């Protein structure tokens, strides 16, 4: 069975064909915070570099990632920290 981090990475690879992707489970840093669960897998940081982000605003990029992960949000994903850029751009985040 895949972890949520593995599912997130797979979904983002399929949707954005990134040249770079990093997905980190930050849930242990959020124990006791809103949306945290004892079993974890609720808070993640994602670095994603994809050509499809070229010409898009930071908000458009974030909305696209959130849309791609809608099912994960529906099943317990609570928060994402996003660093999104197109190749050759300085990552924002």
Protein backbone atom coordinates (compact mmCIF):
# COMPACT_ATOMS: atom_id res chain seq x y z
CA UNK A 1 0.00 0.00 0.00
CA UNK A 2 1.31 3.45 -0.92
CA UNK A 3 1.89 6.15 1.63
CA UNK A 4 0.17 9.49 1.10
CA UNK A 5 3.56 11.00 0.16
CA UNK A 6 3.96 8.37 -2.57
CA UNK A 7 0.43 9.03 -3.85
CA UNK A 8 1.03 12.79 -3.87
CA UNK A 9 4.26 12.35 -5.80
CA UNK A 10 2.64 9.98 -8.29
CA UNK A 11 -0.33 12.30 -8.88
CA UNK A 12 1.91 15.34 -9.35
CA UNK A 13 4.28 13.46 -11.68
CA UNK A 14 1.34 12.36 -13.82
CA UNK A 15 -0.32 15.79 -13.91
CA UNK A 16 2.73 18.08 -14.27
CA UNK A 17 5.61 15.93 -15.66
CA UNK A 18 8.04 17.84 -13.41
CA UNK A 19 11.76 18.14 -13.95
CA UNK A 20 12.12 18.16 -10.16
CA UNK A 21 9.83 17.03 -7.38
CA UNK A 22 10.28 16.63 -3.64
CA UNK A 23 7.49 15.62 -1.26
CA UNK A 24 8.11 15.66 2.50
CA UNK A 25 5.76 14.55 5.25
CA UNK A 26 5.91 17.32 7.86
CA UNK A 27 3.13 15.87 10.01
CA UNK A 28 5.33 15.25 13.05
CA UNK A 29 6.03 18.99 13.24
CA UNK A 30 2.28 19.68 13.48
CA UNK A 31 1.21 17.30 16.26
CA UNK A 32 -1.51 19.02 18.25
CA UNK A 33 -2.26 21.54 15.50
CA UNK A 34 -5.57 21.84 13.66
CA UNK A 35 -6.06 19.02 11.18
CA UNK A 36 -3.31 16.83 12.64
CA UNK A 37 -4.14 13.18 13.20
CA UNK A 38 -2.38 10.75 15.53
CA UNK A 39 -1.46 8.54 12.56
CA UNK A 40 0.09 11.50 10.69
CA UNK A 41 0.04 11.96 6.91
CA UNK A 42 -1.75 15.31 7.16
CA UNK A 43 0.85 18.05 6.54
CA UNK A 44 3.28 18.08 3.61
CA UNK A 45 5.78 20.31 1.87
CA UNK A 46 6.13 20.03 -1.90
CA UNK A 47 8.79 21.43 -4.21
CA UNK A 48 7.71 21.15 -7.83
CA UNK A 49 9.48 22.47 -10.94
CA UNK A 50 7.38 22.03 -14.08
CA UNK A 51 7.34 23.59 -17.54
CA UNK A 52 3.56 23.83 -17.36
CA UNK A 53 3.96 26.55 -14.72
CA UNK A 54 5.61 28.89 -17.23
CA UNK A 55 3.50 32.04 -17.58
CA UNK A 56 1.29 31.21 -14.59
CA UNK A 57 0.97 33.28 -11.43
CA UNK A 58 1.78 31.85 -8.03
CA UNK A 59 -1.95 31.57 -7.30
CA UNK A 60 -2.68 29.75 -10.58
CA UNK A 61 0.09 27.26 -9.85
CA UNK A 62 -1.16 26.61 -6.31
CA UNK A 63 -4.73 26.16 -7.52
CA UNK A 64 -3.57 23.63 -10.13
CA UNK A 65 -1.72 21.60 -7.49
CA UNK A 66 -4.66 21.72 -5.09
CA UNK A 67 -7.00 20.58 -7.88
CA UNK A 68 -4.69 17.67 -8.73
CA UNK A 69 -4.74 16.61 -5.07
CA UNK A 70 -8.47 17.13 -4.42
CA UNK A 71 -9.04 13.45 -3.58
CA UNK A 72 -6.19 13.53 -1.06
CA UNK A 73 -7.68 16.60 0.62
CA UNK A 74 -10.97 14.71 0.75
CA UNK A 75 -9.32 11.80 2.55
CA UNK A 76 -7.35 13.56 5.29
CA UNK A 77 -4.66 15.74 3.70
CA UNK A 78 -4.89 18.97 5.69
CA UNK A 79 -2.09 21.30 4.60
CA UNK A 80 0.53 21.83 1.90
CA UNK A 81 3.51 24.12 1.90
CA UNK A 82 4.21 24.71 -1.79
CA UNK A 83 7.34 25.81 -3.62
CA UNK A 84 6.36 25.94 -7.30
CA UNK A 85 8.39 27.18 -10.26
CA UNK A 86 9.03 26.72 -13.95
CA UNK A 87 12.46 25.52 -15.10
CA UNK A 88 15.01 28.33 -14.93
CA UNK A 89 13.01 30.38 -12.43
CA UNK A 90 14.12 31.09 -8.90
CA UNK A 91 11.73 28.94 -6.80
CA UNK A 92 9.15 30.93 -4.84
CA UNK A 93 8.36 29.78 -1.37
